Amino acid sequence: WFRQAPGKEREFVGAISWSGSSTYYADSVAGRYTISRDHAK
């Protein structure tokens, strides 16, 4: 997941591995954002 505010560069937010077993977050959102995935959907 990335985000881009007006006039700013695209910023990394977080990522999740294909299996869902690993996640990684930017410091600015860690503890507030959570990434998950549903393979069936």
PDB file of all heavy atoms in Angstrom:
ATOM      1  N   TRP A   1       0.855  -1.182   0.000  1.00  0.00           N
ATOM      2  CA  TRP A   1       0.000   0.000   0.000  1.00  0.00           C
ATOM      3  C   TRP A   1       0.897   1.241   0.000  1.00  0.00           C
ATOM      4  O   TRP A   1       1.872   1.303   0.756  1.00  0.00           O
ATOM      5  CB  TRP A   1      -0.905   0.032   1.217  1.00  0.00           C
ATOM      6  CG  TRP A   1      -2.068  -0.907   1.159  1.00  0.00           C
ATOM      7  CD1 TRP A   1      -2.121  -2.175   1.654  1.00  0.00           C
ATOM      8  CD2 TRP A   1      -3.348  -0.644   0.584  1.00  0.00           C
ATOM      9  NE1 TRP A   1      -3.355  -2.728   1.407  1.00  0.00           N
ATOM     10  CE2 TRP A   1      -4.130  -1.799   0.754  1.00  0.00           C
ATOM     11  CE3 TRP A   1      -3.923   0.446  -0.070  1.00  0.00           C
ATOM     12  CZ2 TRP A   1      -5.451  -1.891   0.315  1.00  0.00           C
ATOM     13  CZ3 TRP A   1      -5.231   0.359  -0.514  1.00  0.00           C
ATOM     14  CH2 TRP A   1      -5.981  -0.798  -0.328  1.00  0.00           C
ATOM     15  N   PHE A   2       0.535   2.188  -0.822  1.00  0.00           N
ATOM     16  CA  PHE A   2       1.239   3.456  -0.921  1.00  0.00           C
ATOM     17  C   PHE A   2       0.213   4.580  -0.837  1.00  0.00           C
ATOM     18  O   PHE A   2      -0.984   4.364  -1.023  1.00  0.00           O
ATOM     19  CB  PHE A   2       2.009   3.552  -2.239  1.00  0.00           C
ATOM     20  CG  PHE A   2       3.171   2.613  -2.339  1.00  0.00           C
ATOM     21  CD1 PHE A   2       2.979   1.265  -2.596  1.00  0.00           C
ATOM     22  CD2 PHE A   2       4.463   3.074  -2.170  1.00  0.00           C
ATOM     23  CE1 PHE A   2       4.047   0.390  -2.695  1.00  0.00           C
ATOM     24  CE2 PHE A   2       5.551   2.212  -2.258  1.00  0.00           C
ATOM     25  CZ  PHE A   2       5.335   0.870  -2.518  1.00  0.00           C
ATOM     26  N   ARG A   3       0.693   5.765  -0.594  1.00  0.00           N
ATOM     27  CA  ARG A   3      -0.193   6.926  -0.612  1.00  0.00           C
ATOM     28  C   ARG A   3       0.543   8.115  -1.198  1.00  0.00           C
ATOM     29  O   ARG A   3       1.774   8.186  -1.149  1.00  0.00           O
ATOM     30  CB  ARG A   3      -0.707   7.237   0.792  1.00  0.00           C
ATOM     31  CG  ARG A   3       0.361   7.676   1.782  1.00  0.00           C
ATOM     32  CD  ARG A   3      -0.250   7.800   3.169  1.00  0.00           C
ATOM     33  NE  ARG A   3       0.722   8.264   4.144  1.00  0.00           N
ATOM     34  CZ  ARG A   3       0.492   8.344   5.452  1.00  0.00           C
ATOM     35  NH1 ARG A   3      -0.712   7.982   5.948  1.00  0.00           N
ATOM     36  NH2 ARG A   3       1.417   8.791   6.280  1.00  0.00           N
ATOM     37  N   GLN A   4      -0.248   9.027  -1.730  1.00  0.00           N
ATOM     38  CA  GLN A   4       0.333  10.230  -2.308  1.00  0.00           C
ATOM     39  C   GLN A   4      -0.563  11.415  -2.004  1.00  0.00           C
ATOM     40  O   GLN A   4      -1.733  11.442  -2.404  1.00  0.00           O
ATOM     41  CB  GLN A   4       0.539  10.075  -3.813  1.00  0.00           C
ATOM     42  CG  GLN A   4       1.334  11.206  -4.434  1.00  0.00           C
ATOM     43  CD  GLN A   4       1.822  10.869  -5.820  1.00  0.00           C
ATOM     44  OE1 GLN A   4       1.311   9.967  -6.483  1.00  0.00           O
ATOM     45  NE2 GLN A   4       2.833  11.587  -6.272  1.00  0.00           N
ATOM     46  N   ALA A   5      -0.003  12.372  -1.302  1.00  0.00           N
ATOM     47  CA  ALA A   5      -0.707  13.614  -0.999  1.00  0.00           C
ATOM     48  C   ALA A   5      -0.372  14.643  -2.073  1.00  0.00           C
ATOM     49  O   ALA A   5       0.673  14.542  -2.723  1.00  0.00           O
ATOM     50  CB  ALA A   5      -0.306  14.116   0.378  1.00  0.00           C
ATOM     51  N   PRO A   6      -1.218  15.651  -2.248  1.00  0.00           N
ATOM     52  CA  PRO A   6      -0.953  16.673  -3.279  1.00  0.00           C
ATOM     53  C   PRO A   6       0.395  17.337  -3.074  1.00  0.00           C
ATOM     54  O   PRO A   6       0.746  17.741  -1.959  1.00  0.00           O
ATOM     55  CB  PRO A   6      -2.095  17.667  -3.066  1.00  0.00           C
ATOM     56  CG  PRO A   6      -3.185  16.867  -2.469  1.00  0.00           C
ATOM     57  CD  PRO A   6      -2.515  15.848  -1.596  1.00  0.00           C
ATOM     58  N   GLY A   7       1.179  17.384  -4.142  1.00  0.00           N
ATOM     59  CA  GLY A   7       2.466  18.035  -4.096  1.00  0.00           C
ATOM     60  C   GLY A   7       3.570  17.234  -3.436  1.00  0.00           C
ATOM     61  O   GLY A   7       4.681  17.739  -3.254  1.00  0.00           O
ATOM     62  N   LYS A   8       3.257  15.998  -3.068  1.00  0.00           N
ATOM     63  CA  LYS A   8       4.254  15.153  -2.403  1.00  0.00           C
ATOM     64  C   LYS A   8       4.530  13.901  -3.212  1.00  0.00           C
ATOM     65  O   LYS A   8       3.742  13.496  -4.068  1.00  0.00           O
ATOM     66  CB  LYS A   8       3.779  14.786  -0.996  1.00  0.00           C
ATOM     67  CG  LYS A   8       3.673  15.969  -0.054  1.00  0.00           C
ATOM     68  CD  LYS A   8       3.395  15.517   1.368  1.00  0.00           C
ATOM     69  CE  LYS A   8       3.377  16.690   2.321  1.00  0.00           C
ATOM     70  NZ  LYS A   8       3.130  16.248   3.730  1.00  0.00           N
ATOM     71  N   GLU A   9       5.647  13.272  -2.912  1.00  0.00           N
ATOM     72  CA  GLU A   9       6.000  12.034  -3.585  1.00  0.00           C
ATOM     73  C   GLU A   9       5.162  10.871  -3.035  1.00  0.00           C
ATOM     74  O   GLU A   9       4.637  10.929  -1.931  1.00  0.00           O
ATOM     75  CB  GLU A   9       7.489  11.734  -3.397  1.00  0.00           C
ATOM     76  CG  GLU A   9       8.401  12.734  -4.083  1.00  0.00           C
ATOM     77  CD  GLU A   9       9.856  12.332  -4.003  1.00  0.00           C
ATOM     78  OE1 GLU A   9      10.160  11.347  -3.305  1.00  0.00           O
ATOM     79  OE2 GLU A   9      10.692  13.001  -4.643  1.00  0.00           O
ATOM     80  N   ARG A  10       5.075   9.828  -3.845  1.00  0.00           N
ATOM     81  CA  ARG A  10       4.373   8.627  -3.404  1.00  0.00           C
ATOM     82  C   ARG A  10       5.132   8.018  -2.220  1.00  0.00           C
ATOM     83  O   ARG A  10       6.349   7.866  -2.272  1.00  0.00           O
ATOM     84  CB  ARG A  10       4.264   7.633  -4.555  1.00  0.00           C
ATOM     85  CG  ARG A  10       3.329   6.482  -4.271  1.00  0.00           C
ATOM     86  CD  ARG A  10       2.950   5.784  -5.544  1.00  0.00           C
ATOM     87  NE  ARG A  10       2.225   6.658  -6.463  1.00  0.00           N
ATOM     88  CZ  ARG A  10       1.590   6.243  -7.547  1.00  0.00           C
ATOM     89  NH1 ARG A  10       1.580   4.949  -7.850  1.00  0.00           N
ATOM     90  NH2 ARG A  10       0.970   7.107  -8.323  1.00  0.00           N
ATOM     91  N   GLU A  11       4.395   7.657  -1.203  1.00  0.00           N
ATOM     92  CA  GLU A  11       4.972   7.210   0.064  1.00  0.00           C
ATOM     93  C   GLU A  11       4.546   5.787   0.388  1.00  0.00           C
ATOM     94  O   GLU A  11       3.357   5.449   0.280  1.00  0.00           O
ATOM     95  CB  GLU A  11       4.516   8.164   1.179  1.00  0.00           C
ATOM     96  CG  GLU A  11       4.951   7.787   2.569  1.00  0.00           C
ATOM     97  CD  GLU A  11       4.281   8.637   3.640  1.00  0.00           C
ATOM     98  OE1 GLU A  11       3.239   9.252   3.335  1.00  0.00           O
ATOM     99  OE2 GLU A  11       4.791   8.671   4.774  1.00  0.00           O
ATOM    100  N   PHE A  12       5.482   4.982   0.815  1.00  0.00           N
ATOM    101  CA  PHE A  12       5.183   3.622   1.237  1.00  0.00           C
ATOM    102  C   PHE A  12       4.394   3.635   2.547  1.00  0.00           C
ATOM    103  O   PHE A  12       4.728   4.385   3.473  1.00  0.00           O
ATOM    104  CB  PHE A  12       6.484   2.845   1.414  1.00  0.00           C
ATOM    105  CG  PHE A  12       6.324   1.480   2.031  1.00  0.00           C
ATOM    106  CD1 PHE A  12       5.848   0.421   1.290  1.00  0.00           C
ATOM    107  CD2 PHE A  12       6.651   1.271   3.359  1.00  0.00           C
ATOM    108  CE1 PHE A  12       5.706  -0.840   1.852  1.00  0.00           C
ATOM    109  CE2 PHE A  12       6.527   0.020   3.944  1.00  0.00           C
ATOM    110  CZ  PHE A  12       6.047  -1.033   3.185  1.00  0.00           C
ATOM    111  N   VAL A  13       3.357   2.814   2.617  1.00  0.00           N
ATOM    112  CA  VAL A  13       2.543   2.688   3.821  1.00  0.00           C
ATOM    113  C   VAL A  13       2.794   1.350   4.505  1.00  0.00           C
ATOM    114  O   VAL A  13       3.073   1.289   5.697  1.00  0.00           O
ATOM    115  CB  VAL A  13       1.049   2.831   3.474  1.00  0.00           C
ATOM    116  CG1 VAL A  13       0.177   2.513   4.692  1.00  0.00           C
ATOM    117  CG2 VAL A  13       0.752   4.222   2.947  1.00  0.00           C
ATOM    118  N   GLY A  14       2.698   0.279   3.754  1.00  0.00           N
ATOM    119  CA  GLY A  14       2.901  -1.042   4.319  1.00  0.00           C
ATOM    120  C   GLY A  14       2.798  -2.103   3.247  1.00  0.00           C
ATOM    121  O   GLY A  14       2.409  -1.821   2.115  1.00  0.00           O
ATOM    122  N   ALA A  15       3.138  -3.334   3.619  1.00  0.00           N
ATOM    123  CA  ALA A  15       3.099  -4.432   2.658  1.00  0.00           C
ATOM    124  C   ALA A  15       2.798  -5.733   3.384  1.00  0.00           C
ATOM    125  O   ALA A  15       3.042  -5.864   4.594  1.00  0.00           O
ATOM    126  CB  ALA A  15       4.415  -4.539   1.899  1.00  0.00           C
ATOM    127  N   ILE A  16       2.278  -6.673   2.617  1.00  0.00           N
ATOM    128  CA  ILE A  16       1.980  -8.000   3.149  1.00  0.00           C
ATOM    129  C   ILE A  16       2.495  -9.033   2.165  1.00  0.00           C
ATOM    130  O   ILE A  16       2.394  -8.861   0.950  1.00  0.00           O
ATOM    131  CB  ILE A  16       0.466  -8.170   3.413  1.00  0.00           C
ATOM    132  CG1 ILE A  16       0.184  -9.487   4.135  1.00  0.00           C
ATOM    133  CG2 ILE A  16      -0.335  -8.052   2.119  1.00  0.00           C
ATOM    134  CD1 ILE A  16      -1.224  -9.554   4.709  1.00  0.00           C
ATOM    135  N   SER A  17       3.075 -10.098   2.691  1.00  0.00           N
ATOM    136  CA  SER A  17       3.623 -11.141   1.836  1.00  0.00           C
ATOM    137  C   SER A  17       2.511 -11.965   1.197  1.00  0.00           C
ATOM    138  O   SER A  17       1.355 -11.895   1.602  1.00  0.00           O
ATOM    139  CB  SER A  17       4.540 -12.052   2.648  1.00  0.00           C
ATOM    140  OG  SER A  17       3.807 -12.683   3.686  1.00  0.00           O
ATOM    141  N   TRP A  18       2.879 -12.766   0.227  1.00  0.00           N
ATOM    142  CA  TRP A  18       1.877 -13.534  -0.502  1.00  0.00           C
ATOM    143  C   TRP A  18       1.092 -14.451   0.434  1.00  0.00           C
ATOM    144  O   TRP A  18      -0.101 -14.654   0.260  1.00  0.00           O
ATOM    145  CB  TRP A  18       2.526 -14.353  -1.623  1.00  0.00           C
ATOM    146  CG  TRP A  18       3.377 -15.489  -1.128  1.00  0.00           C
ATOM    147  CD1 TRP A  18       4.713 -15.477  -0.864  1.00  0.00           C
ATOM    148  CD2 TRP A  18       2.928 -16.818  -0.827  1.00  0.00           C
ATOM    149  NE1 TRP A  18       5.117 -16.701  -0.411  1.00  0.00           N
ATOM    150  CE2 TRP A  18       4.051 -17.547  -0.397  1.00  0.00           C
ATOM    151  CE3 TRP A  18       1.693 -17.458  -0.893  1.00  0.00           C
ATOM    152  CZ2 TRP A  18       3.970 -18.877  -0.007  1.00  0.00           C
ATOM    153  CZ3 TRP A  18       1.610 -18.795  -0.519  1.00  0.00           C
ATOM    154  CH2 TRP A  18       2.750 -19.487  -0.078  1.00  0.00           C
ATOM    155  N   SER A  19       1.769 -14.987   1.439  1.00  0.00           N
ATOM    156  CA  SER A  19       1.113 -15.923   2.350  1.00  0.00           C
ATOM    157  C   SER A  19       0.315 -15.214   3.433  1.00  0.00           C
ATOM    158  O   SER A  19      -0.531 -15.822   4.095  1.00  0.00           O
ATOM    159  CB  SER A  19       2.158 -16.810   3.014  1.00  0.00           C
ATOM    160  OG  SER A  19       2.998 -16.036   3.845  1.00  0.00           O
ATOM    161  N   GLY A  20       0.615 -13.936   3.626  1.00  0.00           N
ATOM    162  CA  GLY A  20      -0.007 -13.207   4.726  1.00  0.00           C
ATOM    163  C   GLY A  20       0.733 -13.356   6.038  1.00  0.00           C
ATOM    164  O   GLY A  20       0.343 -12.758   7.034  1.00  0.00           O
ATOM    165  N   SER A  21       1.793 -14.109   6.049  1.00  0.00           N
ATOM    166  CA  SER A  21       2.512 -14.377   7.293  1.00  0.00           C
ATOM    167  C   SER A  21       3.453 -13.250   7.683  1.00  0.00           C
ATOM    168  O   SER A  21       3.884 -13.171   8.843  1.00  0.00           O
ATOM    169  CB  SER A  21       3.313 -15.678   7.174  1.00  0.00           C
ATOM    170  OG  SER A  21       4.284 -15.569   6.158  1.00  0.00           O
ATOM    171  N   SER A  22       3.787 -12.394   6.724  1.00  0.00           N
ATOM    172  CA  SER A  22       4.706 -11.280   7.014  1.00  0.00           C
ATOM    173  C   SER A  22       4.066  -9.960   6.612  1.00  0.00           C
ATOM    174  O   SER A  22       3.446  -9.864   5.550  1.00  0.00           O
ATOM    175  CB  SER A  22       6.016 -11.448   6.252  1.00  0.00           C
ATOM    176  OG  SER A  22       6.696 -12.615   6.656  1.00  0.00           O
ATOM    177  N   THR A  23       4.231  -8.977   7.467  1.00  0.00           N
ATOM    178  CA  THR A  23       3.796  -7.621   7.158  1.00  0.00           C
ATOM    179  C   THR A  23       4.911  -6.653   7.538  1.00  0.00           C
ATOM    180  O   THR A  23       5.791  -6.963   8.345  1.00  0.00           O
ATOM    181  CB  THR A  23       2.519  -7.229   7.919  1.00  0.00           C
ATOM    182  OG1 THR A  23       2.721  -7.457   9.317  1.00  0.00           O
ATOM    183  CG2 THR A  23       1.325  -8.014   7.435  1.00  0.00           C
ATOM    184  N   TYR A  24       4.827  -5.485   6.951  1.00  0.00           N
ATOM    185  CA  TYR A  24       5.876  -4.478   7.151  1.00  0.00           C
ATOM    186  C   TYR A  24       5.227  -3.119   6.994  1.00  0.00           C
ATOM    187  O   TYR A  24       4.481  -2.907   6.039  1.00  0.00           O
ATOM    188  CB  TYR A  24       6.975  -4.688   6.122  1.00  0.00           C
ATOM    189  CG  TYR A  24       8.099  -3.682   6.134  1.00  0.00           C
ATOM    190  CD1 TYR A  24       8.851  -3.463   7.278  1.00  0.00           C
ATOM    191  CD2 TYR A  24       8.422  -2.968   4.991  1.00  0.00           C
ATOM    192  CE1 TYR A  24       9.877  -2.542   7.285  1.00  0.00           C
ATOM    193  CE2 TYR A  24       9.449  -2.052   4.989  1.00  0.00           C
ATOM    194  CZ  TYR A  24      10.183  -1.844   6.134  1.00  0.00           C
ATOM    195  OH  TYR A  24      11.211  -0.939   6.129  1.00  0.00           O
ATOM    196  N   TYR A  25       5.500  -2.202   7.923  1.00  0.00           N
ATOM    197  CA  TYR A  25       4.833  -0.907   7.917  1.00  0.00           C
ATOM    198  C   TYR A  25       5.828   0.233   7.990  1.00  0.00           C
ATOM    199  O   TYR A  25       6.890   0.112   8.600  1.00  0.00           O
ATOM    200  CB  TYR A  25       3.882  -0.809   9.119  1.00  0.00           C
ATOM    201  CG  TYR A  25       2.798  -1.855   9.127  1.00  0.00           C
ATOM    202  CD1 TYR A  25       2.945  -3.037   9.827  1.00  0.00           C
ATOM    203  CD2 TYR A  25       1.610  -1.652   8.419  1.00  0.00           C
ATOM    204  CE1 TYR A  25       1.951  -4.002   9.830  1.00  0.00           C
ATOM    205  CE2 TYR A  25       0.607  -2.602   8.418  1.00  0.00           C
ATOM    206  CZ  TYR A  25       0.790  -3.782   9.119  1.00  0.00           C
ATOM    207  OH  TYR A  25      -0.200  -4.734   9.120  1.00  0.00           O
ATOM    208  N   ALA A  26       5.432   1.338   7.409  1.00  0.00           N
ATOM    209  CA  ALA A  26       6.186   2.567   7.596  1.00  0.00           C
ATOM    210  C   ALA A  26       6.036   3.019   9.050  1.00  0.00           C
ATOM    211  O   ALA A  26       4.998   2.786   9.685  1.00  0.00           O
ATOM    212  CB  ALA A  26       5.664   3.637   6.652  1.00  0.00           C
ATOM    213  N   ASP A  27       7.056   3.678   9.545  1.00  0.00           N
ATOM    214  CA  ASP A  27       7.026   4.143  10.935  1.00  0.00           C
ATOM    215  C   ASP A  27       5.841   5.070  11.193  1.00  0.00           C
ATOM    216  O   ASP A  27       5.281   5.085  12.287  1.00  0.00           O
ATOM    217  CB  ASP A  27       8.327   4.873  11.260  1.00  0.00           C
ATOM    218  CG  ASP A  27       9.520   3.935  11.337  1.00  0.00           C
ATOM    219  OD1 ASP A  27       9.313   2.703  11.429  1.00  0.00           O
ATOM    220  OD2 ASP A  27      10.659   4.429  11.304  1.00  0.00           O
ATOM    221  N   SER A  28       5.456   5.822  10.180  1.00  0.00           N
ATOM    222  CA  SER A  28       4.398   6.819  10.353  1.00  0.00           C
ATOM    223  C   SER A  28       3.028   6.196  10.604  1.00  0.00           C
ATOM    224  O   SER A  28       2.128   6.869  11.110  1.00  0.00           O
ATOM    225  CB  SER A  28       4.331   7.731   9.127  1.00  0.00           C
ATOM    226  OG  SER A  28       4.102   6.962   7.956  1.00  0.00           O
ATOM    227  N   VAL A  29       2.850   4.924  10.261  1.00  0.00           N
ATOM    228  CA  VAL A  29       1.548   4.278  10.423  1.00  0.00           C
ATOM    229  C   VAL A  29       1.599   3.064  11.327  1.00  0.00           C
ATOM    230  O   VAL A  29       0.544   2.501  11.667  1.00  0.00           O
ATOM    231  CB  VAL A  29       0.945   3.878   9.061  1.00  0.00           C
ATOM    232  CG1 VAL A  29       0.898   5.069   8.120  1.00  0.00           C
ATOM    233  CG2 VAL A  29       1.720   2.729   8.435  1.00  0.00           C
ATOM    234  N   ALA A  30       2.773   2.614  11.703  1.00  0.00           N
ATOM    235  CA  ALA A  30       2.912   1.411  12.538  1.00  0.00           C
ATOM    236  C   ALA A  30       2.128   1.593  13.837  1.00  0.00           C
ATOM    237  O   ALA A  30       2.204   2.640  14.482  1.00  0.00           O
ATOM    238  CB  ALA A  30       4.385   1.144  12.818  1.00  0.00           C
ATOM    239  N   GLY A  31       1.374   0.568  14.171  1.00  0.00           N
ATOM    240  CA  GLY A  31       0.548   0.620  15.369  1.00  0.00           C
ATOM    241  C   GLY A  31      -0.835   1.187  15.134  1.00  0.00           C
ATOM    242  O   GLY A  31      -1.726   1.035  15.978  1.00  0.00           O
ATOM    243  N   ARG A  32      -1.027   1.834  13.996  1.00  0.00           N
ATOM    244  CA  ARG A  32      -2.350   2.398  13.670  1.00  0.00           C
ATOM    245  C   ARG A  32      -2.986   1.673  12.483  1.00  0.00           C
ATOM    246  O   ARG A  32      -4.210   1.565  12.409  1.00  0.00           O
ATOM    247  CB  ARG A  32      -2.227   3.880  13.337  1.00  0.00           C
ATOM    248  CG  ARG A  32      -1.692   4.725  14.467  1.00  0.00           C
ATOM    249  CD  ARG A  32      -1.796   6.213  14.144  1.00  0.00           C
ATOM    250  NE  ARG A  32      -0.992   6.593  12.992  1.00  0.00           N
ATOM    251  CZ  ARG A  32      -1.495   7.187  11.914  1.00  0.00           C
ATOM    252  NH1 ARG A  32      -2.785   7.476  11.838  1.00  0.00           N
ATOM    253  NH2 ARG A  32      -0.691   7.523  10.912  1.00  0.00           N
ATOM    254  N   TYR A  33      -2.162   1.207  11.564  1.00  0.00           N
ATOM    255  CA  TYR A  33      -2.648   0.545  10.359  1.00  0.00           C
ATOM    256  C   TYR A  33      -2.370  -0.951  10.437  1.00  0.00           C
ATOM    257  O   TYR A  33      -1.337  -1.372  10.978  1.00  0.00           O
ATOM    258  CB  TYR A  33      -1.957   1.092   9.119  1.00  0.00           C
ATOM    259  CG  TYR A  33      -2.340   2.489   8.690  1.00  0.00           C
ATOM    260  CD1 TYR A  33      -3.017   3.372   9.524  1.00  0.00           C
ATOM    261  CD2 TYR A  33      -2.018   2.938   7.409  1.00  0.00           C
ATOM    262  CE1 TYR A  33      -3.359   4.647   9.111  1.00  0.00           C
ATOM    263  CE2 TYR A  33      -2.351   4.210   6.966  1.00  0.00           C
ATOM    264  CZ  TYR A  33      -3.008   5.055   7.823  1.00  0.00           C
ATOM    265  OH  TYR A  33      -3.340   6.316   7.402  1.00  0.00           O
ATOM    266  N   THR A  34      -3.252  -1.727   9.840  1.00  0.00           N
ATOM    267  CA  THR A  34      -3.070  -3.172   9.778  1.00  0.00           C
ATOM    268  C   THR A  34      -3.458  -3.672   8.389  1.00  0.00           C
ATOM    269  O   THR A  34      -4.542  -3.344   7.897  1.00  0.00           O
ATOM    270  CB  THR A  34      -3.926  -3.890  10.820  1.00  0.00           C
ATOM    271  OG1 THR A  34      -3.599  -3.411  12.130  1.00  0.00           O
ATOM    272  CG2 THR A  34      -3.672  -5.398  10.774  1.00  0.00           C
ATOM    273  N   ILE A  35      -2.575  -4.459   7.806  1.00  0.00           N
ATOM    274  CA  ILE A  35      -2.842  -5.050   6.495  1.00  0.00           C
ATOM    275  C   ILE A  35      -3.154  -6.528   6.676  1.00  0.00           C
ATOM    276  O   ILE A  35      -2.462  -7.229   7.427  1.00  0.00           O
ATOM    277  CB  ILE A  35      -1.639  -4.894   5.548  1.00  0.00           C
ATOM    278  CG1 ILE A  35      -1.307  -3.413   5.366  1.00  0.00           C
ATOM    279  CG2 ILE A  35      -1.935  -5.534   4.194  1.00  0.00           C
ATOM    280  CD1 ILE A  35      -0.041  -3.177   4.567  1.00  0.00           C
ATOM    281  N   SER A  36      -4.164  -6.988   5.967  1.00  0.00           N
ATOM    282  CA  SER A  36      -4.515  -8.403   5.999  1.00  0.00           C
ATOM    283  C   SER A  36      -4.954  -8.819   4.602  1.00  0.00           C
ATOM    284  O   SER A  36      -5.200  -7.968   3.732  1.00  0.00           O
ATOM    285  CB  SER A  36      -5.643  -8.650   7.004  1.00  0.00           C
ATOM    286  OG  SER A  36      -6.802  -7.909   6.668  1.00  0.00           O
ATOM    287  N   ARG A  37      -5.038 -10.120   4.394  1.00  0.00           N
ATOM    288  CA  ARG A  37      -5.495 -10.580   3.086  1.00  0.00           C
ATOM    289  C   ARG A  37      -6.364 -11.814   3.239  1.00  0.00           C
ATOM    290  O   ARG A  37      -6.198 -12.602   4.188  1.00  0.00           O
ATOM    291  CB  ARG A  37      -4.322 -10.841   2.141  1.00  0.00           C
ATOM    292  CG  ARG A  37      -3.434 -11.988   2.449  1.00  0.00           C
ATOM    293  CD  ARG A  37      -2.194 -11.968   1.528  1.00  0.00           C
ATOM    294  NE  ARG A  37      -2.531 -12.007   0.118  1.00  0.00           N
ATOM    295  CZ  ARG A  37      -1.685 -11.711  -0.880  1.00  0.00           C
ATOM    296  NH1 ARG A  37      -0.447 -11.343  -0.589  1.00  0.00           N
ATOM    297  NH2 ARG A  37      -2.061 -11.789  -2.135  1.00  0.00           N
ATOM    298  N   ASP A  38      -7.267 -11.953   2.288  1.00  0.00           N
ATOM    299  CA  ASP A  38      -8.184 -13.083   2.231  1.00  0.00           C
ATOM    300  C   ASP A  38      -8.003 -13.732   0.871  1.00  0.00           C
ATOM    301  O   ASP A  38      -8.483 -13.197  -0.143  1.00  0.00           O
ATOM    302  CB  ASP A  38      -9.614 -12.585   2.436  1.00  0.00           C
ATOM    303  CG  ASP A  38     -10.625 -13.710   2.509  1.00  0.00           C
ATOM    304  OD1 ASP A  38     -10.385 -14.777   1.927  1.00  0.00           O
ATOM    305  OD2 ASP A  38     -11.677 -13.506   3.140  1.00  0.00           O
ATOM    306  N   HIS A  39      -7.340 -14.859   0.856  1.00  0.00           N
ATOM    307  CA  HIS A  39      -7.062 -15.521  -0.421  1.00  0.00           C
ATOM    308  C   HIS A  39      -8.334 -16.004  -1.102  1.00  0.00           C
ATOM    309  O   HIS A  39      -8.437 -15.976  -2.331  1.00  0.00           O
ATOM    310  CB  HIS A  39      -6.110 -16.694  -0.202  1.00  0.00           C
ATOM    311  CG  HIS A  39      -4.688 -16.275   0.020  1.00  0.00           C
ATOM    312  ND1 HIS A  39      -3.951 -15.637  -0.947  1.00  0.00           N
ATOM    313  CD2 HIS A  39      -3.880 -16.387   1.091  1.00  0.00           C
ATOM    314  CE1 HIS A  39      -2.735 -15.380  -0.488  1.00  0.00           C
ATOM    315  NE2 HIS A  39      -2.668 -15.817   0.759  1.00  0.00           N
ATOM    316  N   ALA A  40      -9.285 -16.424  -0.334  1.00  0.00           N
ATOM    317  CA  ALA A  40     -10.527 -16.925  -0.924  1.00  0.00           C
ATOM    318  C   ALA A  40     -11.265 -15.835  -1.686  1.00  0.00           C
ATOM    319  O   ALA A  40     -11.922 -16.102  -2.696  1.00  0.00           O
ATOM    320  CB  ALA A  40     -11.416 -17.500   0.161  1.00  0.00           C
ATOM    321  N   LYS A  41     -11.140 -14.597  -1.220  1.00  0.00           N
ATOM    322  CA  LYS A  41     -11.838 -13.476  -1.858  1.00  0.00           C
ATOM    323  C   LYS A  41     -10.920 -12.666  -2.758  1.00  0.00           C
ATOM    324  O   LYS A  41     -11.368 -11.681  -3.355  1.00  0.00           O
ATOM    325  CB  LYS A  41     -12.446 -12.573  -0.786  1.00  0.00           C
ATOM    326  CG  LYS A  41     -13.506 -13.250   0.051  1.00  0.00           C
ATOM    327  CD  LYS A  41     -14.091 -12.280   1.072  1.00  0.00           C
ATOM    328  CE  LYS A  41     -15.179 -12.947   1.899  1.00  0.00           C
ATOM    329  NZ  LYS A  41     -15.748 -12.014   2.902  1.00  0.00           N
TER     330      LYS A  41
END
